[in-house]
Amino acid sequence: MDLSNLKPAKGSTKKVKRIGRGQGSGHGGTSTRGHKGAKSRSGYSKKLGYEGGQMSLVRRVPKFGFKNFNRVEYKGINLDVLELIAEKRNLTVITPEIIVDAGYASKNDRIKILGRGELKAKLEVTVHGFSATAKKAIEELGGVANVL
């Protein structure tokens, strides 16, 4: 075997359909576009969402709601996750950087501590927000809940 007798696998390649190259090609004349009409013309492109004159879906379905662009999106971290991070790394102080290092949030996330789970260790937690139950749980154990 050498480079001179290499071939692609059987059935892996197809002949290109050469359109508009004369009647003998079988794709001459109308070049597989049929006779007349917008679709046979050059430069034709169907409008986005066009359904052949039928009222388009975009116009049939009513508009509703709105997007509040002032909304602040938080990444929720529960107390049981905090407990896990503190236990694994033997920590008493938790900051957003530590939570990011542990892989529970990305560096641009705002972090909010939520109240699911149980906290056993006394922790000093500094993040962007706390739910009422989470703050209560942290402070009951003598910990500190600082808001950035």
N, C-alpha and C. Protein backbone atom coordinates (compact mmCIF):
# COMPACT_ATOMS: atom_id res chain seq x y z
N MET A 1 0.84 -1.19 0.00
CA MET A 1 0.00 0.00 0.00
C MET A 1 0.88 1.25 0.00
N ASP A 2 0.56 2.20 -0.84
CA ASP A 2 1.24 3.49 -0.83
C ASP A 2 0.27 4.60 -1.22
N LEU A 3 0.73 5.82 -1.27
CA LEU A 3 -0.13 6.97 -1.53
C LEU A 3 -0.82 6.93 -2.89
N SER A 4 -0.23 6.20 -3.85
CA SER A 4 -0.80 6.20 -5.20
C SER A 4 -2.08 5.38 -5.31
N ASN A 5 -2.32 4.47 -4.39
CA ASN A 5 -3.54 3.65 -4.51
C ASN A 5 -4.50 3.80 -3.32
N LEU A 6 -4.46 4.96 -2.66
CA LEU A 6 -5.41 5.22 -1.59
C LEU A 6 -6.75 5.66 -2.17
N LYS A 7 -7.85 5.15 -1.62
CA LYS A 7 -9.20 5.53 -2.06
C LYS A 7 -10.07 5.73 -0.83
N PRO A 8 -11.07 6.61 -0.95
CA PRO A 8 -12.00 6.72 0.18
C PRO A 8 -12.85 5.45 0.30
N ALA A 9 -13.40 5.21 1.49
CA ALA A 9 -14.21 4.02 1.73
C ALA A 9 -15.41 4.00 0.78
N LYS A 10 -15.86 2.83 0.41
CA LYS A 10 -16.96 2.69 -0.53
C LYS A 10 -18.23 3.32 0.05
N GLY A 11 -18.86 4.18 -0.74
CA GLY A 11 -20.10 4.84 -0.32
C GLY A 11 -19.89 6.08 0.54
N SER A 12 -18.64 6.46 0.83
CA SER A 12 -18.40 7.61 1.70
C SER A 12 -18.39 8.93 0.92
N THR A 13 -18.25 8.86 -0.39
CA THR A 13 -18.25 10.09 -1.18
C THR A 13 -19.37 10.04 -2.21
N LYS A 14 -19.89 11.23 -2.56
CA LYS A 14 -20.95 11.32 -3.55
C LYS A 14 -20.55 12.32 -4.61
N LYS A 15 -21.13 12.20 -5.81
CA LYS A 15 -20.91 13.17 -6.87
C LYS A 15 -21.63 14.45 -6.51
N VAL A 16 -20.99 15.59 -6.78
CA VAL A 16 -21.60 16.89 -6.54
C VAL A 16 -22.64 17.14 -7.63
N LYS A 17 -23.81 17.66 -7.25
CA LYS A 17 -24.86 17.97 -8.23
C LYS A 17 -24.49 19.29 -8.90
N ARG A 18 -23.98 19.21 -10.14
CA ARG A 18 -23.59 20.43 -10.85
C ARG A 18 -24.80 20.98 -11.58
N ILE A 19 -25.33 22.09 -11.06
CA ILE A 19 -26.58 22.65 -11.54
C ILE A 19 -26.34 23.70 -12.62
N GLY A 20 -27.23 23.73 -13.62
CA GLY A 20 -27.18 24.76 -14.65
C GLY A 20 -26.00 24.62 -15.59
N ARG A 21 -25.61 23.39 -15.92
CA ARG A 21 -24.47 23.18 -16.82
C ARG A 21 -24.90 22.43 -18.08
N GLY A 22 -26.10 22.78 -18.57
CA GLY A 22 -26.55 22.21 -19.84
C GLY A 22 -27.51 21.05 -19.68
N GLN A 23 -28.29 20.78 -20.74
CA GLN A 23 -29.31 19.72 -20.71
C GLN A 23 -28.69 18.34 -20.49
N GLY A 24 -27.51 18.14 -21.00
CA GLY A 24 -26.86 16.83 -20.90
C GLY A 24 -26.57 16.41 -19.47
N SER A 25 -26.45 17.38 -18.57
CA SER A 25 -26.12 17.06 -17.18
C SER A 25 -27.34 16.50 -16.45
N GLY A 26 -28.55 16.75 -16.99
CA GLY A 26 -29.77 16.35 -16.30
C GLY A 26 -30.24 17.41 -15.32
N HIS A 27 -29.42 18.44 -15.11
CA HIS A 27 -29.78 19.53 -14.20
C HIS A 27 -29.66 20.86 -14.92
N GLY A 28 -29.97 20.89 -16.19
CA GLY A 28 -29.91 22.13 -16.97
C GLY A 28 -31.27 22.81 -16.94
N GLY A 29 -31.52 23.69 -17.90
CA GLY A 29 -32.83 24.33 -18.02
C GLY A 29 -33.20 25.14 -16.80
N THR A 30 -34.08 24.61 -15.98
CA THR A 30 -34.55 25.35 -14.80
C THR A 30 -33.64 25.14 -13.60
N SER A 31 -32.61 24.35 -13.74
CA SER A 31 -31.63 24.11 -12.68
C SER A 31 -32.28 23.61 -11.38
N THR A 32 -33.19 22.66 -11.50
CA THR A 32 -33.87 21.99 -10.39
C THR A 32 -34.77 22.93 -9.57
N ARG A 33 -35.09 24.13 -10.12
CA ARG A 33 -35.91 25.07 -9.36
C ARG A 33 -37.37 25.07 -9.81
N GLY A 34 -37.74 24.28 -10.77
CA GLY A 34 -39.12 24.29 -11.26
C GLY A 34 -39.35 25.50 -12.16
N HIS A 35 -40.60 25.71 -12.58
CA HIS A 35 -40.92 26.81 -13.50
C HIS A 35 -41.52 28.00 -12.76
N LYS A 36 -41.02 29.17 -13.05
CA LYS A 36 -41.55 30.46 -12.57
C LYS A 36 -41.70 30.54 -11.05
N GLY A 37 -42.23 31.63 -10.55
CA GLY A 37 -42.48 31.82 -9.12
C GLY A 37 -41.26 32.38 -8.42
N ALA A 38 -41.49 32.94 -7.23
CA ALA A 38 -40.43 33.60 -6.48
C ALA A 38 -39.25 32.67 -6.21
N LYS A 39 -39.54 31.40 -5.90
CA LYS A 39 -38.46 30.48 -5.52
C LYS A 39 -37.53 30.15 -6.67
N SER A 40 -37.96 30.42 -7.90
CA SER A 40 -37.09 30.13 -9.04
C SER A 40 -36.16 31.29 -9.36
N ARG A 41 -36.44 32.45 -8.81
CA ARG A 41 -35.66 33.66 -9.13
C ARG A 41 -34.39 33.73 -8.29
N SER A 42 -33.41 34.46 -8.85
CA SER A 42 -32.19 34.67 -8.06
C SER A 42 -32.49 35.70 -6.99
N GLY A 43 -31.78 35.63 -5.88
CA GLY A 43 -31.97 36.60 -4.81
C GLY A 43 -33.17 36.32 -3.94
N TYR A 44 -33.84 35.18 -4.16
CA TYR A 44 -35.02 34.87 -3.34
C TYR A 44 -34.60 34.47 -1.94
N SER A 45 -35.28 35.02 -0.95
CA SER A 45 -35.13 34.51 0.41
C SER A 45 -36.45 34.71 1.13
N LYS A 46 -36.91 33.69 1.81
CA LYS A 46 -38.18 33.72 2.51
C LYS A 46 -38.01 34.55 3.77
N LYS A 47 -38.99 35.37 4.09
CA LYS A 47 -38.92 36.18 5.31
C LYS A 47 -38.99 35.27 6.54
N LEU A 48 -38.29 35.65 7.57
CA LEU A 48 -38.25 34.89 8.82
C LEU A 48 -39.66 34.74 9.39
N GLY A 49 -40.08 33.53 9.65
CA GLY A 49 -41.40 33.28 10.24
C GLY A 49 -42.54 33.31 9.24
N TYR A 50 -42.24 33.44 7.93
CA TYR A 50 -43.28 33.49 6.92
C TYR A 50 -43.91 32.11 6.75
N GLU A 51 -45.24 32.05 6.69
CA GLU A 51 -45.93 30.77 6.61
C GLU A 51 -46.84 30.70 5.38
N GLY A 52 -46.42 31.29 4.29
CA GLY A 52 -47.17 31.20 3.04
C GLY A 52 -48.45 32.00 3.04
N GLY A 53 -48.50 33.08 3.77
CA GLY A 53 -49.69 33.92 3.80
C GLY A 53 -50.57 33.66 5.00
N GLN A 54 -50.43 32.48 5.59
CA GLN A 54 -51.15 32.18 6.84
C GLN A 54 -50.59 33.11 7.92
N MET A 55 -51.46 33.54 8.84
CA MET A 55 -51.00 34.42 9.93
C MET A 55 -49.89 33.70 10.70
N SER A 56 -48.73 34.33 10.79
CA SER A 56 -47.57 33.64 11.37
C SER A 56 -47.73 33.45 12.88
N LEU A 57 -47.02 32.49 13.40
CA LEU A 57 -47.09 32.14 14.83
C LEU A 57 -46.77 33.35 15.69
N VAL A 58 -45.79 34.12 15.27
CA VAL A 58 -45.36 35.30 16.02
C VAL A 58 -46.52 36.28 16.18
N ARG A 59 -47.36 36.39 15.16
CA ARG A 59 -48.49 37.34 15.21
C ARG A 59 -49.75 36.72 15.83
N ARG A 60 -49.84 35.37 15.84
CA ARG A 60 -51.01 34.70 16.43
C ARG A 60 -50.95 34.69 17.95
N VAL A 61 -49.75 34.52 18.48
CA VAL A 61 -49.57 34.39 19.93
C VAL A 61 -49.44 35.78 20.55
N PRO A 62 -50.23 36.08 21.59
CA PRO A 62 -50.18 37.43 22.18
C PRO A 62 -48.90 37.68 22.97
N LYS A 63 -48.57 38.97 23.11
CA LYS A 63 -47.42 39.35 23.93
C LYS A 63 -47.85 39.37 25.39
N PHE A 64 -46.97 39.00 26.29
CA PHE A 64 -47.30 39.11 27.71
C PHE A 64 -46.02 39.20 28.54
N GLY A 65 -46.16 39.76 29.75
CA GLY A 65 -45.05 39.85 30.69
C GLY A 65 -44.02 40.87 30.30
N PHE A 66 -42.99 40.97 31.12
CA PHE A 66 -41.87 41.85 30.80
C PHE A 66 -40.62 41.34 31.50
N LYS A 67 -39.48 41.81 31.05
CA LYS A 67 -38.20 41.43 31.61
C LYS A 67 -37.67 42.60 32.44
N ASN A 68 -37.53 42.41 33.73
CA ASN A 68 -37.02 43.48 34.58
C ASN A 68 -35.50 43.55 34.45
N PHE A 69 -35.02 44.59 33.78
CA PHE A 69 -33.57 44.67 33.55
C PHE A 69 -32.81 45.17 34.77
N ASN A 70 -33.52 45.54 35.84
CA ASN A 70 -32.84 45.93 37.08
C ASN A 70 -32.72 44.76 38.06
N ARG A 71 -33.24 43.57 37.66
CA ARG A 71 -33.22 42.40 38.52
C ARG A 71 -31.78 41.99 38.85
N VAL A 72 -31.55 41.67 40.11
CA VAL A 72 -30.24 41.17 40.53
C VAL A 72 -30.35 39.66 40.72
N GLU A 73 -29.56 38.93 39.98
CA GLU A 73 -29.60 37.46 39.96
C GLU A 73 -28.58 36.93 40.96
N TYR A 74 -29.02 36.07 41.89
CA TYR A 74 -28.12 35.49 42.90
C TYR A 74 -27.93 33.99 42.66
N LYS A 75 -26.76 33.49 43.03
CA LYS A 75 -26.50 32.05 43.03
C LYS A 75 -26.78 31.57 44.44
N GLY A 76 -27.77 30.70 44.58
CA GLY A 76 -28.16 30.22 45.91
C GLY A 76 -27.25 29.12 46.43
N ILE A 77 -26.73 29.31 47.62
CA ILE A 77 -25.90 28.28 48.29
C ILE A 77 -26.57 27.98 49.63
N ASN A 78 -26.88 26.73 49.88
CA ASN A 78 -27.58 26.35 51.11
C ASN A 78 -26.61 26.10 52.27
N LEU A 79 -27.17 26.10 53.47
CA LEU A 79 -26.36 25.92 54.68
C LEU A 79 -25.62 24.58 54.69
N ASP A 80 -26.27 23.52 54.17
CA ASP A 80 -25.60 22.21 54.17
C ASP A 80 -24.35 22.23 53.28
N VAL A 81 -24.37 23.03 52.22
CA VAL A 81 -23.19 23.16 51.35
C VAL A 81 -22.09 23.92 52.09
N LEU A 82 -22.48 24.98 52.81
CA LEU A 82 -21.50 25.73 53.62
C LEU A 82 -20.83 24.82 54.64
N GLU A 83 -21.65 24.00 55.31
CA GLU A 83 -21.14 23.05 56.29
C GLU A 83 -20.13 22.11 55.65
N LEU A 84 -20.47 21.63 54.45
CA LEU A 84 -19.60 20.70 53.71
C LEU A 84 -18.26 21.36 53.38
N ILE A 85 -18.31 22.59 52.88
CA ILE A 85 -17.08 23.33 52.51
C ILE A 85 -16.22 23.55 53.76
N ALA A 86 -16.85 24.00 54.85
CA ALA A 86 -16.12 24.29 56.09
C ALA A 86 -15.49 23.03 56.67
N GLU A 87 -16.21 21.90 56.60
CA GLU A 87 -15.71 20.63 57.12
C GLU A 87 -14.52 20.13 56.32
N LYS A 88 -14.69 20.13 54.98
CA LYS A 88 -13.64 19.62 54.09
C LYS A 88 -12.33 20.39 54.23
N ARG A 89 -12.45 21.73 54.27
CA ARG A 89 -11.26 22.58 54.26
C ARG A 89 -10.86 23.08 55.65
N ASN A 90 -11.61 22.66 56.65
CA ASN A 90 -11.33 23.03 58.04
C ASN A 90 -11.28 24.56 58.21
N LEU A 91 -12.40 25.24 57.84
CA LEU A 91 -12.46 26.70 57.86
C LEU A 91 -13.45 27.21 58.88
N THR A 92 -13.22 28.46 59.33
CA THR A 92 -14.20 29.15 60.17
C THR A 92 -14.69 30.43 59.49
N VAL A 93 -13.94 30.89 58.48
CA VAL A 93 -14.32 32.09 57.72
C VAL A 93 -14.62 31.68 56.28
N ILE A 94 -15.80 32.08 55.77
CA ILE A 94 -16.16 31.74 54.39
C ILE A 94 -16.45 33.02 53.61
N THR A 95 -15.77 33.14 52.45
CA THR A 95 -15.93 34.29 51.56
C THR A 95 -16.35 33.80 50.18
N PRO A 96 -16.78 34.70 49.30
CA PRO A 96 -17.15 34.27 47.95
C PRO A 96 -16.01 33.54 47.22
N GLU A 97 -14.77 33.97 47.44
CA GLU A 97 -13.61 33.33 46.78
C GLU A 97 -13.50 31.85 47.16
N ILE A 98 -13.77 31.54 48.41
CA ILE A 98 -13.69 30.15 48.88
C ILE A 98 -14.79 29.31 48.23
N ILE A 99 -16.00 29.89 48.10
CA ILE A 99 -17.12 29.18 47.47
C ILE A 99 -16.83 28.94 45.99
N VAL A 100 -16.20 29.93 45.33
CA VAL A 100 -15.82 29.79 43.92
C VAL A 100 -14.75 28.71 43.76
N ASP A 101 -13.75 28.71 44.66
CA ASP A 101 -12.69 27.69 44.62
C ASP A 101 -13.25 26.28 44.80
N ALA A 102 -14.29 26.17 45.63
CA ALA A 102 -14.92 24.87 45.88
C ALA A 102 -15.76 24.40 44.70
N GLY A 103 -16.03 25.33 43.75
CA GLY A 103 -16.74 24.96 42.52
C GLY A 103 -18.25 25.09 42.60
N TYR A 104 -18.77 25.80 43.60
CA TYR A 104 -20.21 25.95 43.75
C TYR A 104 -20.77 27.21 43.07
N ALA A 105 -19.87 28.09 42.63
CA ALA A 105 -20.30 29.32 41.93
C ALA A 105 -19.16 29.76 41.02
N SER A 106 -19.50 30.63 40.05
CA SER A 106 -18.43 31.18 39.20
C SER A 106 -18.05 32.55 39.76
N LYS A 107 -16.90 33.08 39.32
CA LYS A 107 -16.33 34.27 39.96
C LYS A 107 -17.20 35.52 39.80
N ASN A 108 -18.08 35.55 38.79
CA ASN A 108 -18.92 36.74 38.59
C ASN A 108 -20.29 36.63 39.24
N ASP A 109 -20.59 35.48 39.87
CA ASP A 109 -21.89 35.29 40.51
C ASP A 109 -21.99 36.11 41.81
N ARG A 110 -23.19 36.62 42.07
CA ARG A 110 -23.49 37.16 43.39
C ARG A 110 -24.04 35.98 44.20
N ILE A 111 -23.57 35.83 45.40
CA ILE A 111 -23.90 34.63 46.18
C ILE A 111 -24.85 34.99 47.32
N LYS A 112 -25.90 34.16 47.46
CA LYS A 112 -26.86 34.35 48.54
C LYS A 112 -26.95 33.03 49.31
N ILE A 113 -26.87 33.11 50.63
CA ILE A 113 -26.95 31.92 51.47
C ILE A 113 -28.41 31.66 51.79
N LEU A 114 -28.84 30.43 51.53
CA LEU A 114 -30.23 30.01 51.75
C LEU A 114 -30.30 29.04 52.92
N GLY A 115 -31.51 28.84 53.48
CA GLY A 115 -31.65 28.16 54.77
C GLY A 115 -31.82 26.66 54.79
N ARG A 116 -31.65 25.94 53.65
CA ARG A 116 -31.84 24.49 53.69
C ARG A 116 -30.65 23.82 54.37
N GLY A 117 -30.90 22.78 55.13
CA GLY A 117 -29.82 22.03 55.77
C GLY A 117 -29.55 22.53 57.17
N GLU A 118 -28.56 21.89 57.81
CA GLU A 118 -28.24 22.22 59.19
C GLU A 118 -26.78 22.63 59.31
N LEU A 119 -26.55 23.63 60.12
CA LEU A 119 -25.19 24.12 60.33
C LEU A 119 -24.75 23.68 61.73
N LYS A 120 -23.54 23.11 61.84
CA LYS A 120 -23.05 22.64 63.14
C LYS A 120 -21.91 23.50 63.65
N ALA A 121 -21.12 24.06 62.72
CA ALA A 121 -19.93 24.83 63.10
C ALA A 121 -20.25 26.31 63.20
N LYS A 122 -19.49 27.01 64.04
CA LYS A 122 -19.60 28.47 64.16
C LYS A 122 -18.80 29.08 63.00
N LEU A 123 -19.48 29.82 62.12
CA LEU A 123 -18.82 30.35 60.92
C LEU A 123 -18.99 31.86 60.81
N GLU A 124 -17.97 32.48 60.23
CA GLU A 124 -18.08 33.89 59.85
C GLU A 124 -18.23 33.92 58.33
N VAL A 125 -19.43 34.24 57.85
CA VAL A 125 -19.75 34.16 56.42
C VAL A 125 -19.90 35.57 55.85
N THR A 126 -19.16 35.85 54.77
CA THR A 126 -19.24 37.15 54.10
C THR A 126 -19.63 36.91 52.64
N VAL A 127 -20.87 37.23 52.29
CA VAL A 127 -21.36 37.08 50.91
C VAL A 127 -22.29 38.24 50.55
N HIS A 128 -22.93 38.15 49.38
CA HIS A 128 -23.75 39.26 48.88
C HIS A 128 -25.15 39.32 49.48
N GLY A 129 -25.65 38.20 50.04
CA GLY A 129 -26.99 38.22 50.61
C GLY A 129 -27.29 36.98 51.45
N PHE A 130 -28.28 37.10 52.32
CA PHE A 130 -28.71 35.99 53.18
C PHE A 130 -30.22 35.94 53.21
N SER A 131 -30.78 34.73 53.28
CA SER A 131 -32.21 34.62 53.55
C SER A 131 -32.36 34.77 55.06
N ALA A 132 -33.57 35.08 55.51
CA ALA A 132 -33.81 35.31 56.95
C ALA A 132 -33.48 34.06 57.77
N THR A 133 -33.88 32.88 57.26
CA THR A 133 -33.63 31.64 58.01
C THR A 133 -32.15 31.30 58.08
N ALA A 134 -31.42 31.59 57.00
CA ALA A 134 -29.98 31.32 56.97
C ALA A 134 -29.25 32.22 57.96
N LYS A 135 -29.61 33.50 57.95
CA LYS A 135 -28.96 34.46 58.86
C LYS A 135 -29.22 34.07 60.32
N LYS A 136 -30.45 33.67 60.59
CA LYS A 136 -30.83 33.25 61.95
C LYS A 136 -30.03 32.02 62.38
N ALA A 137 -29.91 31.04 61.48
CA ALA A 137 -29.19 29.79 61.78
C ALA A 137 -27.71 30.05 62.06
N ILE A 138 -27.10 30.95 61.28
CA ILE A 138 -25.67 31.27 61.46
C ILE A 138 -25.46 31.98 62.79
N GLU A 139 -26.33 32.95 63.10
CA GLU A 139 -26.16 33.76 64.31
C GLU A 139 -26.54 32.99 65.58
N GLU A 140 -27.38 31.97 65.47
CA GLU A 140 -27.75 31.14 66.64
C GLU A 140 -26.55 30.38 67.18
N LEU A 141 -25.63 30.01 66.28
CA LEU A 141 -24.43 29.26 66.68
C LEU A 141 -23.29 30.21 67.09
N GLY A 142 -23.56 31.51 67.10
CA GLY A 142 -22.54 32.49 67.49
C GLY A 142 -21.70 32.94 66.32
N GLY A 143 -22.13 32.62 65.12
CA GLY A 143 -21.40 33.04 63.92
C GLY A 143 -21.77 34.45 63.49
N VAL A 144 -21.11 34.93 62.44
CA VAL A 144 -21.36 36.28 61.94
C VAL A 144 -21.78 36.21 60.48
N ALA A 145 -22.84 36.96 60.11
CA ALA A 145 -23.29 37.01 58.72
C ALA A 145 -23.08 38.41 58.18
N ASN A 146 -21.99 38.58 57.41
CA ASN A 146 -21.65 39.89 56.82
C ASN A 146 -22.16 39.99 55.39
N VAL A 147 -22.78 41.13 55.04
CA VAL A 147 -23.25 41.35 53.68
C VAL A 147 -22.23 42.23 52.96
N LEU A 148 -21.82 41.79 51.78
CA LEU A 148 -20.86 42.59 50.98
C LEU A 148 -21.53 43.81 50.41
